[in-house]
């Protein structure tokens, strides 16, 4: 008789915990984002015969250490950043930035073809474009920022771009981040 009473009481006592296991809230689901979407950007480009006549430019990229995390970053105040644990990059951000910039520069240039710089190319007499990204994130004030510097054609230039978010959410911020990458490519290509 005691066993008959214990089972219903035990089930009643643990039922809130069992319900929590089966109910998965959307806020606990991880979202993955792509800065460089191959479907919309046409990344897979064929080498055309006119590309062979273009001047080769070796592209290299360096990003700030805090951007090597797989999580999207939000700047909370002047000295504090927050890693969004449920919002992650689908591929390493450094790779995404590099591929976006490479694609945009090649799409905008009629006279140059940008290619990845390899270690063996460091002493090459070919033209180099070295880009350094210091800041690339969203802020708690609904802004997206991209800033850093680049060396190209014998000159050193700083850049700083900012966009105001018109919608909430990381999806919108990633779209603005991509637009800022295009602005950077446009600035470089007009150098």
N, C-alpha and C. Protein backbone atom coordinates (compact mmCIF):
# COMPACT_ATOMS: atom_id res chain seq x y z
N UNK A 1 0.82 -1.19 0.00
CA UNK A 1 0.00 0.00 0.00
C UNK A 1 0.87 1.26 0.00
N UNK A 2 1.98 1.21 0.70
CA UNK A 2 2.88 2.36 0.73
C UNK A 2 3.48 2.58 -0.65
N UNK A 3 3.82 1.51 -1.35
CA UNK A 3 4.40 1.63 -2.69
C UNK A 3 3.40 2.26 -3.65
N UNK A 4 2.12 1.93 -3.55
CA UNK A 4 1.10 2.52 -4.41
C UNK A 4 1.02 4.03 -4.21
N UNK A 5 1.23 4.52 -3.01
CA UNK A 5 1.17 5.96 -2.72
C UNK A 5 2.46 6.67 -3.12
N UNK A 6 3.58 5.99 -3.05
CA UNK A 6 4.87 6.63 -3.33
C UNK A 6 5.02 6.93 -4.83
N UNK A 7 4.60 6.04 -5.69
CA UNK A 7 4.76 6.22 -7.13
C UNK A 7 4.01 7.47 -7.62
N UNK A 8 2.72 7.66 -7.30
CA UNK A 8 2.04 8.87 -7.76
C UNK A 8 2.65 10.15 -7.17
N UNK A 9 3.09 10.09 -5.92
CA UNK A 9 3.68 11.26 -5.30
C UNK A 9 5.02 11.59 -5.97
N UNK A 10 5.81 10.58 -6.27
CA UNK A 10 7.10 10.78 -6.94
C UNK A 10 6.90 11.36 -8.32
N UNK A 11 5.94 10.81 -9.07
CA UNK A 11 5.66 11.33 -10.41
C UNK A 11 5.17 12.77 -10.35
N UNK A 12 4.36 13.09 -9.39
CA UNK A 12 3.87 14.45 -9.22
C UNK A 12 5.02 15.40 -8.87
N UNK A 13 5.94 14.93 -8.06
CA UNK A 13 7.06 15.78 -7.63
C UNK A 13 8.05 16.06 -8.77
N UNK A 14 8.28 15.11 -9.67
CA UNK A 14 9.27 15.33 -10.74
C UNK A 14 8.64 15.80 -12.04
N UNK A 15 7.33 15.89 -12.11
CA UNK A 15 6.68 16.29 -13.37
C UNK A 15 7.10 17.68 -13.86
N UNK A 16 7.32 18.68 -13.00
CA UNK A 16 7.79 19.96 -13.55
C UNK A 16 9.14 19.85 -14.25
N UNK A 17 10.00 18.98 -13.75
CA UNK A 17 11.32 18.81 -14.35
C UNK A 17 11.22 18.08 -15.69
N UNK A 18 10.32 17.13 -15.79
CA UNK A 18 10.14 16.40 -17.04
C UNK A 18 9.58 17.32 -18.12
N UNK A 19 8.69 18.19 -17.75
CA UNK A 19 8.12 19.13 -18.71
C UNK A 19 9.18 20.07 -19.25
N UNK A 20 10.12 20.47 -18.41
CA UNK A 20 11.19 21.36 -18.84
C UNK A 20 12.10 20.70 -19.85
N UNK A 21 12.27 19.39 -19.77
CA UNK A 21 13.14 18.68 -20.72
C UNK A 21 12.53 18.64 -22.11
N UNK A 22 11.24 18.53 -22.19
CA UNK A 22 10.61 18.38 -23.49
C UNK A 22 10.28 19.71 -24.13
N UNK A 23 10.17 20.76 -23.37
CA UNK A 23 9.84 22.06 -23.93
C UNK A 23 11.13 22.83 -24.20
N UNK A 24 11.40 23.06 -25.44
CA UNK A 24 12.60 23.78 -25.82
C UNK A 24 12.19 25.16 -26.31
N UNK A 25 12.60 26.18 -25.63
CA UNK A 25 12.24 27.53 -26.04
C UNK A 25 13.17 27.98 -27.16
N UNK A 26 12.66 28.81 -28.04
CA UNK A 26 13.45 29.27 -29.18
C UNK A 26 14.62 30.12 -28.72
N UNK A 27 14.50 30.77 -27.56
CA UNK A 27 15.59 31.61 -27.10
C UNK A 27 16.81 30.77 -26.71
N UNK A 28 16.63 29.48 -26.47
CA UNK A 28 17.75 28.61 -26.13
C UNK A 28 18.34 27.92 -27.35
N UNK A 29 17.82 28.19 -28.52
CA UNK A 29 18.33 27.55 -29.74
C UNK A 29 19.46 28.41 -30.32
N UNK A 30 20.51 27.77 -30.74
CA UNK A 30 21.64 28.48 -31.32
C UNK A 30 21.34 28.83 -32.77
N UNK A 31 21.63 30.07 -33.14
CA UNK A 31 21.49 30.53 -34.52
C UNK A 31 22.87 30.72 -35.10
N UNK A 32 23.03 30.38 -36.38
CA UNK A 32 24.30 30.49 -37.08
C UNK A 32 24.15 31.50 -38.21
N UNK A 33 25.17 32.33 -38.40
CA UNK A 33 25.11 33.41 -39.37
C UNK A 33 26.28 33.33 -40.34
N UNK A 34 26.00 33.73 -41.59
CA UNK A 34 27.04 33.78 -42.62
C UNK A 34 27.21 35.22 -43.07
N UNK A 35 28.42 35.72 -42.97
CA UNK A 35 28.70 37.06 -43.46
C UNK A 35 28.76 37.05 -44.99
N UNK A 36 29.36 36.03 -45.54
CA UNK A 36 29.54 35.92 -46.98
C UNK A 36 28.68 34.77 -47.49
N UNK A 37 27.52 35.09 -48.02
CA UNK A 37 26.60 34.07 -48.50
C UNK A 37 26.91 33.76 -49.97
N UNK A 38 27.46 32.58 -50.24
CA UNK A 38 27.84 32.24 -51.62
C UNK A 38 26.67 32.30 -52.60
N UNK A 39 25.48 31.98 -52.16
CA UNK A 39 24.33 31.98 -53.07
C UNK A 39 24.00 33.37 -53.57
N UNK A 40 24.15 34.38 -52.71
CA UNK A 40 23.79 35.73 -53.13
C UNK A 40 24.97 36.53 -53.65
N UNK A 41 26.18 36.10 -53.36
CA UNK A 41 27.33 36.91 -53.76
C UNK A 41 28.05 36.38 -54.99
N UNK A 42 27.72 35.19 -55.44
CA UNK A 42 28.38 34.64 -56.61
C UNK A 42 29.85 34.37 -56.37
N UNK A 43 30.18 33.80 -55.22
CA UNK A 43 31.58 33.57 -54.84
C UNK A 43 32.30 32.69 -55.84
N UNK A 44 31.64 31.66 -56.31
CA UNK A 44 32.31 30.74 -57.23
C UNK A 44 32.39 31.40 -58.60
N UNK A 45 33.47 32.12 -58.82
CA UNK A 45 33.66 32.82 -60.08
C UNK A 45 34.64 32.06 -60.96
N UNK A 46 34.32 31.99 -62.21
CA UNK A 46 35.25 31.37 -63.15
C UNK A 46 36.31 32.40 -63.52
N UNK A 47 37.52 31.93 -63.78
CA UNK A 47 38.58 32.82 -64.22
C UNK A 47 38.36 33.08 -65.71
N UNK A 48 38.16 34.33 -66.03
CA UNK A 48 37.92 34.71 -67.42
C UNK A 48 39.25 35.09 -68.07
N UNK A 49 39.30 35.02 -69.38
CA UNK A 49 40.54 35.36 -70.09
C UNK A 49 40.93 36.81 -69.83
N UNK A 50 39.96 37.71 -69.66
CA UNK A 50 40.29 39.11 -69.39
C UNK A 50 40.91 39.27 -68.00
N UNK A 51 40.64 38.34 -67.06
CA UNK A 51 41.25 38.39 -65.74
C UNK A 51 42.75 38.16 -65.80
N UNK A 52 43.21 37.39 -66.77
CA UNK A 52 44.63 37.10 -66.90
C UNK A 52 45.42 38.36 -67.28
N UNK A 53 44.77 39.31 -67.92
CA UNK A 53 45.43 40.55 -68.31
C UNK A 53 45.46 41.56 -67.16
N UNK A 54 44.71 41.33 -66.12
CA UNK A 54 44.66 42.25 -64.98
C UNK A 54 45.92 42.11 -64.12
N UNK A 55 46.26 43.19 -63.44
CA UNK A 55 47.38 43.15 -62.51
C UNK A 55 46.98 42.38 -61.26
N UNK A 56 47.83 41.43 -60.84
CA UNK A 56 47.57 40.65 -59.64
C UNK A 56 47.91 41.48 -58.40
N UNK A 57 46.99 41.47 -57.42
CA UNK A 57 47.22 42.12 -56.14
C UNK A 57 47.07 41.06 -55.06
N UNK A 58 48.09 40.93 -54.23
CA UNK A 58 48.07 39.94 -53.16
C UNK A 58 47.36 40.53 -51.94
N UNK A 59 46.32 39.86 -51.49
CA UNK A 59 45.51 40.33 -50.36
C UNK A 59 45.84 39.54 -49.10
N UNK A 60 46.12 40.27 -48.02
CA UNK A 60 46.30 39.63 -46.71
C UNK A 60 45.42 40.36 -45.70
N UNK A 61 45.03 39.64 -44.66
CA UNK A 61 44.09 40.17 -43.67
C UNK A 61 44.54 39.81 -42.27
N UNK A 62 44.38 40.76 -41.37
CA UNK A 62 44.62 40.53 -39.95
C UNK A 62 43.42 41.09 -39.19
N UNK A 63 42.90 40.33 -38.23
CA UNK A 63 41.77 40.81 -37.43
C UNK A 63 42.14 40.82 -35.96
N UNK A 64 41.48 41.67 -35.20
CA UNK A 64 41.71 41.76 -33.75
C UNK A 64 41.40 40.41 -33.11
N UNK A 65 42.13 40.09 -32.06
CA UNK A 65 41.99 38.79 -31.39
C UNK A 65 40.57 38.51 -30.92
N UNK A 66 39.86 39.52 -30.43
CA UNK A 66 38.52 39.28 -29.89
C UNK A 66 37.55 38.80 -30.97
N UNK A 67 37.88 39.00 -32.23
CA UNK A 67 37.02 38.56 -33.33
C UNK A 67 37.25 37.10 -33.72
N UNK A 68 38.20 36.45 -33.08
CA UNK A 68 38.45 35.04 -33.42
C UNK A 68 37.47 34.09 -32.72
N UNK A 69 36.64 34.62 -31.86
CA UNK A 69 35.62 33.81 -31.20
C UNK A 69 34.53 33.42 -32.20
N UNK A 70 33.91 32.26 -32.01
CA UNK A 70 32.83 31.87 -32.93
C UNK A 70 31.53 32.63 -32.66
N UNK A 71 31.47 33.38 -31.58
CA UNK A 71 30.24 34.08 -31.19
C UNK A 71 30.20 35.49 -31.75
N UNK A 72 29.00 35.96 -32.09
CA UNK A 72 28.84 37.34 -32.46
C UNK A 72 29.12 38.20 -31.23
N UNK A 73 29.61 39.40 -31.46
CA UNK A 73 30.05 40.27 -30.37
C UNK A 73 29.18 41.51 -30.33
N UNK A 74 28.84 41.94 -29.10
CA UNK A 74 28.15 43.21 -28.90
C UNK A 74 28.96 44.03 -27.91
N UNK A 75 29.22 45.28 -28.27
CA UNK A 75 29.89 46.19 -27.35
C UNK A 75 28.84 46.79 -26.44
N UNK A 76 28.99 46.54 -25.14
CA UNK A 76 27.98 46.97 -24.16
C UNK A 76 28.21 48.41 -23.68
N UNK A 77 29.45 48.78 -23.50
CA UNK A 77 29.81 50.15 -23.16
C UNK A 77 31.22 50.38 -23.66
N UNK A 78 31.83 51.47 -23.25
CA UNK A 78 33.12 51.85 -23.82
C UNK A 78 34.19 50.77 -23.70
N UNK A 79 34.17 49.99 -22.63
CA UNK A 79 35.24 49.01 -22.40
C UNK A 79 34.74 47.59 -22.20
N UNK A 80 33.50 47.31 -22.48
CA UNK A 80 32.94 45.99 -22.20
C UNK A 80 32.30 45.41 -23.46
N UNK A 81 32.68 44.16 -23.77
CA UNK A 81 32.03 43.45 -24.86
C UNK A 81 31.33 42.22 -24.32
N UNK A 82 30.34 41.76 -25.07
CA UNK A 82 29.56 40.58 -24.69
C UNK A 82 29.56 39.62 -25.88
N UNK A 83 29.88 38.36 -25.60
CA UNK A 83 29.79 37.32 -26.63
C UNK A 83 28.40 36.71 -26.57
N UNK A 84 27.68 36.74 -27.66
CA UNK A 84 26.31 36.22 -27.73
C UNK A 84 26.38 34.70 -27.89
N UNK A 85 26.19 33.98 -26.80
CA UNK A 85 26.43 32.54 -26.79
C UNK A 85 25.46 31.74 -27.65
N UNK A 86 24.32 32.30 -28.01
CA UNK A 86 23.37 31.58 -28.85
C UNK A 86 23.35 32.12 -30.29
N UNK A 87 24.32 32.97 -30.62
CA UNK A 87 24.42 33.55 -31.96
C UNK A 87 25.87 33.42 -32.41
N UNK A 88 26.07 32.49 -33.35
CA UNK A 88 27.43 32.12 -33.75
C UNK A 88 27.65 32.29 -35.24
N UNK A 89 28.91 32.46 -35.61
CA UNK A 89 29.28 32.48 -37.02
C UNK A 89 29.29 31.06 -37.55
N UNK A 90 28.81 30.88 -38.76
CA UNK A 90 28.77 29.55 -39.37
C UNK A 90 30.16 29.10 -39.81
N UNK A 91 31.05 30.05 -40.05
CA UNK A 91 32.45 29.75 -40.38
C UNK A 91 33.30 30.79 -39.64
N UNK A 92 34.58 30.55 -39.50
CA UNK A 92 35.41 31.53 -38.80
C UNK A 92 35.26 32.92 -39.41
N UNK A 93 35.09 33.91 -38.57
CA UNK A 93 34.84 35.27 -39.04
C UNK A 93 35.99 35.79 -39.91
N UNK A 94 37.21 35.45 -39.56
CA UNK A 94 38.35 35.88 -40.37
C UNK A 94 38.20 35.39 -41.81
N UNK A 95 37.80 34.13 -41.98
CA UNK A 95 37.59 33.58 -43.32
C UNK A 95 36.45 34.31 -44.04
N UNK A 96 35.38 34.59 -43.31
CA UNK A 96 34.23 35.28 -43.91
C UNK A 96 34.60 36.69 -44.35
N UNK A 97 35.33 37.40 -43.51
CA UNK A 97 35.75 38.76 -43.86
C UNK A 97 36.64 38.71 -45.10
N UNK A 98 37.61 37.80 -45.08
CA UNK A 98 38.54 37.68 -46.20
C UNK A 98 37.80 37.37 -47.50
N UNK A 99 36.92 36.39 -47.47
CA UNK A 99 36.19 35.99 -48.68
C UNK A 99 35.26 37.10 -49.17
N UNK A 100 34.62 37.80 -48.25
CA UNK A 100 33.75 38.92 -48.63
C UNK A 100 34.55 40.02 -49.31
N UNK A 101 35.66 40.37 -48.70
CA UNK A 101 36.50 41.43 -49.24
C UNK A 101 37.08 41.04 -50.60
N UNK A 102 37.55 39.81 -50.69
CA UNK A 102 38.10 39.31 -51.95
C UNK A 102 37.05 39.36 -53.06
N UNK A 103 35.87 38.90 -52.76
CA UNK A 103 34.77 38.91 -53.74
C UNK A 103 34.43 40.33 -54.16
N UNK A 104 34.24 41.22 -53.18
CA UNK A 104 33.83 42.59 -53.49
C UNK A 104 34.89 43.34 -54.28
N UNK A 105 36.15 43.20 -53.89
CA UNK A 105 37.23 43.88 -54.62
C UNK A 105 37.29 43.41 -56.07
N UNK A 106 37.19 42.11 -56.28
CA UNK A 106 37.23 41.59 -57.65
C UNK A 106 36.02 42.00 -58.46
N UNK A 107 34.87 42.12 -57.82
CA UNK A 107 33.66 42.55 -58.52
C UNK A 107 33.74 44.03 -58.92
N UNK A 108 34.48 44.83 -58.15
CA UNK A 108 34.54 46.27 -58.40
C UNK A 108 35.71 46.70 -59.29
N UNK A 109 36.70 45.86 -59.45
CA UNK A 109 37.91 46.26 -60.17
C UNK A 109 37.90 45.81 -61.62
N UNK A 110 38.22 46.75 -62.51
CA UNK A 110 38.35 46.43 -63.93
C UNK A 110 39.80 46.18 -64.32
N UNK A 111 40.73 46.62 -63.47
CA UNK A 111 42.14 46.57 -63.85
C UNK A 111 42.98 45.63 -62.99
N UNK A 112 42.45 45.17 -61.86
CA UNK A 112 43.21 44.32 -60.95
C UNK A 112 42.41 43.08 -60.58
N UNK A 113 43.15 42.02 -60.30
CA UNK A 113 42.53 40.82 -59.76
C UNK A 113 43.20 40.54 -58.42
N UNK A 114 42.38 40.45 -57.40
CA UNK A 114 42.87 40.25 -56.04
C UNK A 114 42.90 38.74 -55.75
N UNK A 115 44.02 38.30 -55.21
CA UNK A 115 44.22 36.89 -54.90
C UNK A 115 44.79 36.78 -53.49
N UNK A 116 44.56 35.65 -52.83
CA UNK A 116 45.12 35.49 -51.48
C UNK A 116 46.64 35.50 -51.50
N UNK A 117 47.21 36.24 -50.57
CA UNK A 117 48.67 36.25 -50.42
C UNK A 117 49.09 35.00 -49.66
N UNK A 118 50.08 34.34 -50.15
CA UNK A 118 50.63 33.17 -49.48
C UNK A 118 51.92 33.58 -48.80
N UNK A 119 52.39 32.80 -47.86
CA UNK A 119 53.63 33.14 -47.15
C UNK A 119 54.81 33.30 -48.10
N UNK A 120 54.85 32.49 -49.12
CA UNK A 120 55.98 32.57 -50.06
C UNK A 120 55.93 33.85 -50.89
N UNK A 121 54.77 34.53 -50.90
CA UNK A 121 54.61 35.77 -51.68
C UNK A 121 55.07 37.01 -50.93
N UNK A 122 55.46 36.87 -49.67
CA UNK A 122 55.77 38.05 -48.86
C UNK A 122 56.90 38.89 -49.43
N UNK A 123 57.86 38.28 -50.05
CA UNK A 123 58.98 39.03 -50.62
C UNK A 123 58.77 39.33 -52.10
N UNK A 124 57.61 39.02 -52.59
CA UNK A 124 57.31 39.20 -54.00
C UNK A 124 57.29 40.69 -54.36
N UNK A 125 57.60 40.97 -55.60
CA UNK A 125 57.56 42.35 -56.11
C UNK A 125 56.15 42.74 -56.54
N UNK A 126 55.20 41.82 -56.40
CA UNK A 126 53.82 42.12 -56.78
C UNK A 126 53.21 43.10 -55.79
N UNK A 127 52.15 43.76 -56.23
CA UNK A 127 51.44 44.70 -55.39
C UNK A 127 50.74 43.95 -54.26
N UNK A 128 50.81 44.50 -53.05
CA UNK A 128 50.17 43.90 -51.88
C UNK A 128 49.08 44.84 -51.36
N UNK A 129 48.02 44.24 -50.85
CA UNK A 129 46.99 44.95 -50.09
C UNK A 129 46.91 44.24 -48.75
N UNK A 130 47.28 44.95 -47.69
CA UNK A 130 47.22 44.38 -46.34
C UNK A 130 46.14 45.11 -45.56
N UNK A 131 45.15 44.38 -45.09
CA UNK A 131 44.02 44.96 -44.36
C UNK A 131 44.07 44.49 -42.92
N UNK A 132 43.85 45.42 -42.00
CA UNK A 132 43.81 45.11 -40.58
C UNK A 132 42.47 45.60 -40.02
N UNK A 133 41.70 44.67 -39.43
CA UNK A 133 40.40 45.01 -38.86
C UNK A 133 40.56 45.10 -37.34
N UNK A 134 40.27 46.27 -36.79
CA UNK A 134 40.37 46.47 -35.34
C UNK A 134 39.03 46.28 -34.64
N UNK A 135 37.97 46.76 -35.26
CA UNK A 135 36.63 46.67 -34.68
C UNK A 135 35.64 46.25 -35.75
N UNK A 136 34.82 45.26 -35.42
CA UNK A 136 33.80 44.80 -36.36
C UNK A 136 32.72 44.12 -35.54
N UNK A 137 31.72 44.89 -35.10
CA UNK A 137 30.68 44.35 -34.24
C UNK A 137 29.49 45.31 -34.15
N UNK A 138 28.48 44.86 -33.45
CA UNK A 138 27.30 45.67 -33.17
C UNK A 138 27.47 46.27 -31.78
N UNK A 139 26.83 47.42 -31.54
CA UNK A 139 26.89 48.04 -30.22
C UNK A 139 25.51 48.01 -29.57
N UNK A 140 25.48 48.22 -28.27
CA UNK A 140 24.20 48.25 -27.56
C UNK A 140 23.40 49.51 -27.90
N UNK A 141 24.01 50.44 -28.63
CA UNK A 141 23.31 51.64 -29.10
C UNK A 141 22.75 51.45 -30.51
N UNK A 142 22.60 50.20 -30.92
CA UNK A 142 22.02 49.85 -32.24
C UNK A 142 22.84 50.37 -33.41
N UNK A 143 24.13 50.27 -33.29
CA UNK A 143 25.03 50.65 -34.38
C UNK A 143 25.91 49.46 -34.72
N UNK A 144 26.31 49.39 -35.97
CA UNK A 144 27.27 48.39 -36.41
C UNK A 144 28.50 49.16 -36.85
N UNK A 145 29.68 48.72 -36.38
CA UNK A 145 30.90 49.45 -36.72
C UNK A 145 31.93 48.53 -37.37
N UNK A 146 32.71 49.12 -38.24
CA UNK A 146 33.84 48.46 -38.89
C UNK A 146 34.94 49.50 -38.98
N UNK A 147 36.09 49.21 -38.37
CA UNK A 147 37.20 50.15 -38.47
C UNK A 147 38.52 49.41 -38.44
N UNK A 148 39.52 50.06 -38.98
CA UNK A 148 40.85 49.49 -39.03
C UNK A 148 41.71 50.31 -39.97
N UNK A 149 42.61 49.63 -40.68
CA UNK A 149 43.50 50.33 -41.60
C UNK A 149 43.91 49.38 -42.72
N UNK A 150 44.48 49.95 -43.77
CA UNK A 150 45.03 49.12 -44.84
C UNK A 150 46.22 49.82 -45.47
N UNK A 151 47.10 49.01 -46.01
CA UNK A 151 48.26 49.49 -46.76
C UNK A 151 48.11 49.01 -48.19
N UNK A 152 48.18 49.97 -49.11
CA UNK A 152 47.95 49.64 -50.51
C UNK A 152 48.62 50.68 -51.39
N UNK A 153 49.32 50.25 -52.38
CA UNK A 153 49.98 51.11 -53.35
C UNK A 153 50.84 52.18 -52.67
N UNK A 154 51.61 51.74 -51.68
CA UNK A 154 52.54 52.62 -51.01
C UNK A 154 51.94 53.55 -49.97
N UNK A 155 50.67 53.45 -49.72
CA UNK A 155 50.04 54.35 -48.75
C UNK A 155 49.37 53.59 -47.61
N UNK A 156 49.29 54.24 -46.47
CA UNK A 156 48.60 53.68 -45.30
C UNK A 156 47.36 54.53 -45.05
N UNK A 157 46.22 53.88 -44.99
CA UNK A 157 44.96 54.60 -44.78
C UNK A 157 44.15 53.94 -43.67
N UNK A 158 43.51 54.78 -42.87
CA UNK A 158 42.58 54.29 -41.86
C UNK A 158 41.18 54.32 -42.45
N UNK A 159 40.31 53.48 -41.91
CA UNK A 159 38.91 53.51 -42.32
C UNK A 159 38.04 53.33 -41.09
N UNK A 160 36.86 53.89 -41.16
CA UNK A 160 35.88 53.74 -40.08
C UNK A 160 34.49 53.92 -40.69
N UNK A 161 33.69 52.89 -40.57
CA UNK A 161 32.33 52.93 -41.10
C UNK A 161 31.36 52.59 -39.97
N UNK A 162 30.19 53.17 -40.04
CA UNK A 162 29.16 52.93 -39.03
C UNK A 162 27.80 52.92 -39.71
N UNK A 163 26.93 52.04 -39.26
CA UNK A 163 25.56 51.99 -39.78
C UNK A 163 24.62 51.86 -38.60
N UNK A 164 23.49 52.53 -38.69
CA UNK A 164 22.48 52.46 -37.63
C UNK A 164 21.47 51.38 -37.96
N UNK A 165 21.20 50.54 -36.99
CA UNK A 165 20.24 49.45 -37.19
C UNK A 165 18.83 50.02 -37.22
N UNK A 166 18.05 49.58 -38.19
CA UNK A 166 16.66 49.98 -38.31
C UNK A 166 15.71 48.92 -37.77
N UNK A 167 16.26 47.73 -37.50
CA UNK A 167 15.48 46.61 -36.98
C UNK A 167 16.26 45.98 -35.83
N UNK A 168 15.57 45.24 -34.99
CA UNK A 168 16.23 44.50 -33.93
C UNK A 168 16.75 43.18 -34.48
N UNK A 169 17.71 42.62 -33.79
CA UNK A 169 18.14 41.27 -34.09
C UNK A 169 19.50 41.17 -34.75
N UNK A 170 20.13 40.02 -34.51
CA UNK A 170 21.44 39.78 -35.06
C UNK A 170 21.40 39.58 -36.58
N UNK A 171 20.32 39.06 -37.12
CA UNK A 171 20.23 38.89 -38.58
C UNK A 171 20.39 40.23 -39.29
N UNK A 172 19.71 41.23 -38.78
CA UNK A 172 19.82 42.57 -39.37
C UNK A 172 21.23 43.13 -39.18
N UNK A 173 21.82 42.90 -38.02
CA UNK A 173 23.18 43.42 -37.80
C UNK A 173 24.18 42.75 -38.73
N UNK A 174 24.03 41.46 -39.00
CA UNK A 174 24.93 40.77 -39.92
C UNK A 174 24.76 41.33 -41.34
N UNK A 175 23.55 41.62 -41.74
CA UNK A 175 23.32 42.22 -43.07
C UNK A 175 24.01 43.59 -43.16
N UNK A 176 23.96 44.36 -42.08
CA UNK A 176 24.65 45.65 -42.08
C UNK A 176 26.17 45.47 -42.06
N UNK A 177 26.65 44.45 -41.36
CA UNK A 177 28.08 44.17 -41.35
C UNK A 177 28.55 43.87 -42.77
N UNK A 178 27.76 43.12 -43.50
CA UNK A 178 28.11 42.78 -44.90
C UNK A 178 28.14 44.05 -45.75
N UNK A 179 27.16 44.94 -45.53
CA UNK A 179 27.12 46.20 -46.28
C UNK A 179 28.35 47.06 -45.97
N UNK A 180 28.82 47.04 -44.72
CA UNK A 180 30.02 47.80 -44.37
C UNK A 180 31.25 47.22 -45.04
N UNK A 181 31.30 45.90 -45.21
CA UNK A 181 32.42 45.29 -45.93
C UNK A 181 32.44 45.78 -47.38
N UNK A 182 31.27 45.94 -47.97
CA UNK A 182 31.20 46.45 -49.34
C UNK A 182 31.67 47.90 -49.41
N UNK A 183 31.36 48.69 -48.39
CA UNK A 183 31.85 50.07 -48.35
C UNK A 183 33.37 50.10 -48.27
N UNK A 184 33.94 49.21 -47.47
CA UNK A 184 35.39 49.14 -47.37
C UNK A 184 35.99 48.79 -48.73
N UNK A 185 35.44 47.79 -49.40
CA UNK A 185 35.94 47.40 -50.72
C UNK A 185 35.84 48.56 -51.70
N UNK A 186 34.76 49.32 -51.62
CA UNK A 186 34.59 50.46 -52.52
C UNK A 186 35.65 51.53 -52.24
N UNK A 187 35.92 51.77 -50.95
CA UNK A 187 36.96 52.75 -50.60
C UNK A 187 38.33 52.30 -51.11
N UNK A 188 38.64 51.04 -50.92
CA UNK A 188 39.93 50.51 -51.37
C UNK A 188 40.04 50.58 -52.89
N UNK A 189 38.99 50.20 -53.58
CA UNK A 189 39.05 50.17 -55.04
C UNK A 189 39.12 51.56 -55.66
N UNK A 190 38.70 52.57 -54.92
CA UNK A 190 38.80 53.93 -55.45
C UNK A 190 40.14 54.59 -55.08
N UNK A 191 41.02 53.83 -54.43
CA UNK A 191 42.34 54.36 -54.03
C UNK A 191 43.26 54.45 -55.23
